[in-house]
């Protein structure tokens, strides 16, 4: 049976976890806002520069060259923005994942302590039932670990796919620029 002190300690721990996660969430939002403000400022500056450049164009060939020169840096900046956005989301998600894993590990430890205490106090002749129960708990823990590993692997695959798409986009943006320069 849980004592009042144990309940209060558990409640305090849960509140600390909640406030910690809320703080991490706000930090993630702050980073997103900062990223978007910076990107917006740069976009405005570049739009002004591009407009000035466009006003100085004398013929269609110069306009085409200017457009080609603008395309690759824009693709690179878009890829960098996407990467930064992904890093913020992944970092914030990782913090939540660590907290979740820590809470699960602590809950498992406490539950196993309760099971061990119950097993020690079980009446004579109940050894088989206790063994079956311990086996079920172990199977549940193994299943949870498998799910955590699968989530980690899926996250790694998603990151690899994101990197592959970003690299492909970068290479694709460089190819037209090289082709136009050669012409």
C-alpha atoms as a PDB file:
ATOM      1  CA  UNK A   1       0.000   0.000   0.000  1.00  0.00           C
ATOM      2  CA  UNK A   2       1.251   3.471  -0.815  1.00  0.00           C
ATOM      3  CA  UNK A   3       1.723   5.903   2.017  1.00  0.00           C
ATOM      4  CA  UNK A   4       0.684   9.547   1.927  1.00  0.00           C
ATOM      5  CA  UNK A   5       4.345  10.568   1.661  1.00  0.00           C
ATOM      6  CA  UNK A   6       4.850   8.293  -1.353  1.00  0.00           C
ATOM      7  CA  UNK A   7       1.755   9.712  -3.063  1.00  0.00           C
ATOM      8  CA  UNK A   8       2.905  13.286  -2.408  1.00  0.00           C
ATOM      9  CA  UNK A   9       6.400  12.478  -3.701  1.00  0.00           C
ATOM     10  CA  UNK A  10       4.953  10.865  -6.835  1.00  0.00           C
ATOM     11  CA  UNK A  11       2.676  13.847  -7.421  1.00  0.00           C
ATOM     12  CA  UNK A  12       5.591  16.260  -6.933  1.00  0.00           C
ATOM     13  CA  UNK A  13       7.707  14.265  -9.383  1.00  0.00           C
ATOM     14  CA  UNK A  14       4.909  14.265 -11.958  1.00  0.00           C
ATOM     15  CA  UNK A  15       4.480  18.045 -11.634  1.00  0.00           C
ATOM     16  CA  UNK A  16       8.231  18.601 -12.016  1.00  0.00           C
ATOM     17  CA  UNK A  17       8.183  16.454 -15.145  1.00  0.00           C
ATOM     18  CA  UNK A  18       5.194  18.364 -16.522  1.00  0.00           C
ATOM     19  CA  UNK A  19       6.822  21.737 -15.917  1.00  0.00           C
ATOM     20  CA  UNK A  20      10.111  20.480 -17.389  1.00  0.00           C
ATOM     21  CA  UNK A  21       8.365  19.282 -20.544  1.00  0.00           C
ATOM     22  CA  UNK A  22       6.387  22.508 -20.808  1.00  0.00           C
ATOM     23  CA  UNK A  23       9.637  24.472 -20.575  1.00  0.00           C
ATOM     24  CA  UNK A  24      11.200  22.308 -23.316  1.00  0.00           C
ATOM     25  CA  UNK A  25       8.142  22.812 -25.515  1.00  0.00           C
ATOM     26  CA  UNK A  26       8.353  26.587 -25.105  1.00  0.00           C
ATOM     27  CA  UNK A  27      12.091  26.499 -25.851  1.00  0.00           C
ATOM     28  CA  UNK A  28      11.278  24.666 -29.084  1.00  0.00           C
ATOM     29  CA  UNK A  29       8.644  27.258 -29.991  1.00  0.00           C
ATOM     30  CA  UNK A  30      11.105  30.065 -29.211  1.00  0.00           C
ATOM     31  CA  UNK A  31      13.670  28.480 -31.547  1.00  0.00           C
ATOM     32  CA  UNK A  32      11.037  28.166 -34.287  1.00  0.00           C
ATOM     33  CA  UNK A  33      10.005  31.808 -33.893  1.00  0.00           C
ATOM     34  CA  UNK A  34      13.655  32.911 -33.955  1.00  0.00           C
ATOM     35  CA  UNK A  35      14.300  30.818 -37.070  1.00  0.00           C
ATOM     36  CA  UNK A  36      11.248  32.254 -38.836  1.00  0.00           C
ATOM     37  CA  UNK A  37      12.076  35.857 -37.899  1.00  0.00           C
ATOM     38  CA  UNK A  38      15.645  35.417 -39.149  1.00  0.00           C
ATOM     39  CA  UNK A  39      14.448  33.755 -42.360  1.00  0.00           C
ATOM     40  CA  UNK A  40      11.879  36.515 -42.918  1.00  0.00           C
ATOM     41  CA  UNK A  41      14.478  39.271 -42.442  1.00  0.00           C
ATOM     42  CA  UNK A  42      16.824  37.576 -44.894  1.00  0.00           C
ATOM     43  CA  UNK A  43      14.027  37.066 -47.400  1.00  0.00           C
ATOM     44  CA  UNK A  44      13.126  40.774 -47.253  1.00  0.00           C
ATOM     45  CA  UNK A  45      16.762  41.815 -47.685  1.00  0.00           C
ATOM     46  CA  UNK A  46      17.207  39.429 -50.604  1.00  0.00           C
ATOM     47  CA  UNK A  47      13.950  40.576 -52.206  1.00  0.00           C
ATOM     48  CA  UNK A  48      15.226  44.169 -52.092  1.00  0.00           C
ATOM     49  CA  UNK A  49      18.571  43.155 -53.590  1.00  0.00           C
ATOM     50  CA  UNK A  50      16.881  41.059 -56.286  1.00  0.00           C
ATOM     51  CA  UNK A  51      14.554  43.927 -57.175  1.00  0.00           C
ATOM     52  CA  UNK A  52      17.529  46.270 -57.502  1.00  0.00           C
ATOM     53  CA  UNK A  53      19.313  43.728 -59.690  1.00  0.00           C
ATOM     54  CA  UNK A  54      16.233  43.248 -61.863  1.00  0.00           C
ATOM     55  CA  UNK A  55      15.944  47.005 -62.384  1.00  0.00           C
ATOM     56  CA  UNK A  56      19.502  47.045 -63.724  1.00  0.00           C
ATOM     57  CA  UNK A  57      18.906  44.315 -66.332  1.00  0.00           C
ATOM     58  CA  UNK A  58      19.441  45.505 -69.909  1.00  0.00           C
ATOM     59  CA  UNK A  59      18.266  42.525 -71.987  1.00  0.00           C
ATOM     60  CA  UNK A  60      16.522  39.128 -71.797  1.00  0.00           C
ATOM     61  CA  UNK A  61      19.793  37.174 -71.772  1.00  0.00           C
ATOM     62  CA  UNK A  62      21.016  39.107 -68.722  1.00  0.00           C
ATOM     63  CA  UNK A  63      17.632  38.502 -67.048  1.00  0.00           C
ATOM     64  CA  UNK A  64      17.905  34.736 -67.678  1.00  0.00           C
ATOM     65  CA  UNK A  65      21.446  34.694 -66.278  1.00  0.00           C
ATOM     66  CA  UNK A  66      20.295  36.600 -63.192  1.00  0.00           C
ATOM     67  CA  UNK A  67      17.416  34.175 -62.615  1.00  0.00           C
ATOM     68  CA  UNK A  68      19.726  31.168 -62.985  1.00  0.00           C
ATOM     69  CA  UNK A  69      22.184  32.708 -60.522  1.00  0.00           C
ATOM     70  CA  UNK A  70      19.391  33.241 -57.977  1.00  0.00           C
ATOM     71  CA  UNK A  71      17.951  29.724 -58.214  1.00  0.00           C
ATOM     72  CA  UNK A  72      20.776  27.725 -56.616  1.00  0.00           C
ATOM     73  CA  UNK A  73      21.273  29.946 -53.535  1.00  0.00           C
ATOM     74  CA  UNK A  74      17.511  29.935 -53.000  1.00  0.00           C
ATOM     75  CA  UNK A  75      17.432  26.122 -53.097  1.00  0.00           C
ATOM     76  CA  UNK A  76      20.391  25.954 -50.712  1.00  0.00           C
ATOM     77  CA  UNK A  77      18.738  28.372 -48.292  1.00  0.00           C
ATOM     78  CA  UNK A  78      15.478  26.441 -48.449  1.00  0.00           C
ATOM     79  CA  UNK A  79      17.339  23.204 -47.698  1.00  0.00           C
ATOM     80  CA  UNK A  80      19.217  24.884 -44.813  1.00  0.00           C
ATOM     81  CA  UNK A  81      15.957  26.253 -43.402  1.00  0.00           C
ATOM     82  CA  UNK A  82      14.330  22.820 -43.657  1.00  0.00           C
ATOM     83  CA  UNK A  83      17.334  21.231 -41.972  1.00  0.00           C
ATOM     84  CA  UNK A  84      17.259  23.746 -39.135  1.00  0.00           C
ATOM     85  CA  UNK A  85      13.520  23.237 -38.735  1.00  0.00           C
ATOM     86  CA  UNK A  86      14.020  19.463 -38.638  1.00  0.00           C
ATOM     87  CA  UNK A  87      16.823  19.807 -36.060  1.00  0.00           C
ATOM     88  CA  UNK A  88      14.606  21.897 -33.774  1.00  0.00           C
ATOM     89  CA  UNK A  89      11.737  19.419 -34.043  1.00  0.00           C
ATOM     90  CA  UNK A  90      14.016  16.412 -33.577  1.00  0.00           C
ATOM     91  CA  UNK A  91      15.775  17.992 -30.586  1.00  0.00           C
ATOM     92  CA  UNK A  92      12.510  18.848 -28.869  1.00  0.00           C
ATOM     93  CA  UNK A  93      11.119  15.389 -29.650  1.00  0.00           C
ATOM     94  CA  UNK A  94      14.264  13.777 -28.246  1.00  0.00           C
ATOM     95  CA  UNK A  95      13.809  15.674 -24.973  1.00  0.00           C
ATOM     96  CA  UNK A  96      10.255  14.386 -24.704  1.00  0.00           C
ATOM     97  CA  UNK A  97      11.470  10.875 -25.544  1.00  0.00           C
ATOM     98  CA  UNK A  98      14.137  10.972 -22.820  1.00  0.00           C
ATOM     99  CA  UNK A  99      11.582  12.092 -20.258  1.00  0.00           C
ATOM    100  CA  UNK A 100       9.174   9.367 -21.338  1.00  0.00           C
ATOM    101  CA  UNK A 101      11.859   6.677 -21.196  1.00  0.00           C
ATOM    102  CA  UNK A 102      12.979   7.896 -17.778  1.00  0.00           C
ATOM    103  CA  UNK A 103       9.415   7.810 -16.454  1.00  0.00           C
ATOM    104  CA  UNK A 104       8.827   4.338 -17.898  1.00  0.00           C
ATOM    105  CA  UNK A 105      12.066   3.008 -16.420  1.00  0.00           C
ATOM    106  CA  UNK A 106      11.195   4.437 -13.005  1.00  0.00           C
ATOM    107  CA  UNK A 107       7.665   3.010 -13.168  1.00  0.00           C
ATOM    108  CA  UNK A 108       9.039  -0.399 -14.173  1.00  0.00           C
ATOM    109  CA  UNK A 109      11.479  -0.347 -11.268  1.00  0.00           C
ATOM    110  CA  UNK A 110       8.734   0.520  -8.796  1.00  0.00           C
ATOM    111  CA  UNK A 111       6.392  -2.087 -10.254  1.00  0.00           C
ATOM    112  CA  UNK A 112       9.065  -4.792 -10.074  1.00  0.00           C
ATOM    113  CA  UNK A 113       9.720  -3.850  -6.433  1.00  0.00           C
ATOM    114  CA  UNK A 114       6.001  -4.281  -5.706  1.00  0.00           C
ATOM    115  CA  UNK A 115       6.004  -7.645  -7.514  1.00  0.00           C
ATOM    116  CA  UNK A 116       9.046  -8.823  -5.546  1.00  0.00           C
ATOM    117  CA  UNK A 117       7.475  -7.722  -2.262  1.00  0.00           C
ATOM    118  CA  UNK A 118       4.239  -9.488  -3.162  1.00  0.00           C
ATOM    119  CA  UNK A 119       6.176 -12.638  -4.148  1.00  0.00           C
ATOM    120  CA  UNK A 120       8.031 -12.682  -0.832  1.00  0.00           C
ATOM    121  CA  UNK A 121       4.766 -12.339   1.077  1.00  0.00           C
ATOM    122  CA  UNK A 122       2.840 -14.841  -1.045  1.00  0.00           C
ATOM    123  CA  UNK A 123       1.364 -17.800   0.767  1.00  0.00           C
ATOM    124  CA  UNK A 124       3.072 -21.171   0.530  1.00  0.00           C
ATOM    125  CA  UNK A 125       2.167 -23.145  -2.600  1.00  0.00           C
ATOM    126  CA  UNK A 126       1.749 -20.068  -4.792  1.00  0.00           C
ATOM    127  CA  UNK A 127       5.249 -20.245  -6.264  1.00  0.00           C
ATOM    128  CA  UNK A 128       3.942 -21.305  -9.679  1.00  0.00           C
ATOM    129  CA  UNK A 129       1.487 -18.403  -9.862  1.00  0.00           C
ATOM    130  CA  UNK A 130       4.210 -15.960  -8.783  1.00  0.00           C
ATOM    131  CA  UNK A 131       6.598 -17.384 -11.416  1.00  0.00           C
ATOM    132  CA  UNK A 132       3.934 -17.028 -14.134  1.00  0.00           C
ATOM    133  CA  UNK A 133       3.222 -13.463 -13.035  1.00  0.00           C
ATOM    134  CA  UNK A 134       6.947 -12.561 -13.020  1.00  0.00           C
ATOM    135  CA  UNK A 135       7.276 -14.113 -16.466  1.00  0.00           C
ATOM    136  CA  UNK A 136       4.357 -12.009 -17.738  1.00  0.00           C
ATOM    137  CA  UNK A 137       5.938  -8.852 -16.290  1.00  0.00           C
ATOM    138  CA  UNK A 138       9.269  -9.710 -17.943  1.00  0.00           C
ATOM    139  CA  UNK A 139       7.493 -10.308 -21.273  1.00  0.00           C
ATOM    140  CA  UNK A 140       5.749  -6.940 -20.957  1.00  0.00           C
ATOM    141  CA  UNK A 141       9.057  -5.204 -20.256  1.00  0.00           C
ATOM    142  CA  UNK A 142      10.634  -6.913 -23.267  1.00  0.00           C
ATOM    143  CA  UNK A 143       7.726  -5.841 -25.459  1.00  0.00           C
ATOM    144  CA  UNK A 144       8.086  -2.237 -24.278  1.00  0.00           C
ATOM    145  CA  UNK A 145      11.827  -2.305 -24.998  1.00  0.00           C
ATOM    146  CA  UNK A 146      11.096  -3.681 -28.483  1.00  0.00           C
ATOM    147  CA  UNK A 147       8.640  -0.865 -29.156  1.00  0.00           C
ATOM    148  CA  UNK A 148      11.176   1.722 -27.967  1.00  0.00           C
ATOM    149  CA  UNK A 149      13.837   0.215 -30.259  1.00  0.00           C
ATOM    150  CA  UNK A 150      11.394   0.198 -33.197  1.00  0.00           C
ATOM    151  CA  UNK A 151      10.536   3.865 -32.604  1.00  0.00           C
ATOM    152  CA  UNK A 152      14.253   4.723 -32.475  1.00  0.00           C
ATOM    153  CA  UNK A 153      14.887   2.818 -35.712  1.00  0.00           C
ATOM    154  CA  UNK A 154      11.940   4.525 -37.407  1.00  0.00           C
ATOM    155  CA  UNK A 155      13.287   7.882 -36.281  1.00  0.00           C
ATOM    156  CA  UNK A 156      16.732   7.034 -37.671  1.00  0.00           C
ATOM    157  CA  UNK A 157      15.203   5.946 -40.996  1.00  0.00           C
ATOM    158  CA  UNK A 158      13.142   9.165 -41.171  1.00  0.00           C
ATOM    159  CA  UNK A 159      16.263  11.249 -40.562  1.00  0.00           C
ATOM    160  CA  UNK A 160      18.212   9.311 -43.213  1.00  0.00           C
ATOM    161  CA  UNK A 161      15.350   9.813 -45.682  1.00  0.00           C
ATOM    162  CA  UNK A 162      15.202  13.526 -44.871  1.00  0.00           C
ATOM    163  CA  UNK A 163      18.953  13.828 -45.474  1.00  0.00           C
ATOM    164  CA  UNK A 164      18.683  11.903 -48.761  1.00  0.00           C
ATOM    165  CA  UNK A 165      15.841  14.119 -50.013  1.00  0.00           C
ATOM    166  CA  UNK A 166      17.716  17.274 -48.987  1.00  0.00           C
ATOM    167  CA  UNK A 167      20.875  16.098 -50.766  1.00  0.00           C
ATOM    168  CA  UNK A 168      18.912  15.170 -53.878  1.00  0.00           C
ATOM    169  CA  UNK A 169      17.238  18.585 -53.919  1.00  0.00           C
ATOM    170  CA  UNK A 170      20.598  20.312 -53.494  1.00  0.00           C
ATOM    171  CA  UNK A 171      22.147  18.290 -56.330  1.00  0.00           C
ATOM    172  CA  UNK A 172      19.118  18.917 -58.545  1.00  0.00           C
ATOM    173  CA  UNK A 173      19.373  22.670 -57.962  1.00  0.00           C
ATOM    174  CA  UNK A 174      23.069  22.626 -58.899  1.00  0.00           C
ATOM    175  CA  UNK A 175      22.544  20.720 -62.157  1.00  0.00           C
ATOM    176  CA  UNK A 176      20.512  23.439 -64.003  1.00  0.00           C
ATOM    177  CA  UNK A 177      22.983  26.094 -62.891  1.00  0.00           C
ATOM    178  CA  UNK A 178      25.912  24.116 -64.304  1.00  0.00           C
ATOM    179  CA  UNK A 179      24.016  23.434 -67.533  1.00  0.00           C
ATOM    180  CA  UNK A 180      23.202  27.139 -68.038  1.00  0.00           C
ATOM    181  CA  UNK A 181      26.779  28.173 -67.299  1.00  0.00           C
ATOM    182  CA  UNK A 182      28.081  25.745 -69.922  1.00  0.00           C
ATOM    183  CA  UNK A 183      25.694  27.159 -72.551  1.00  0.00           C
END
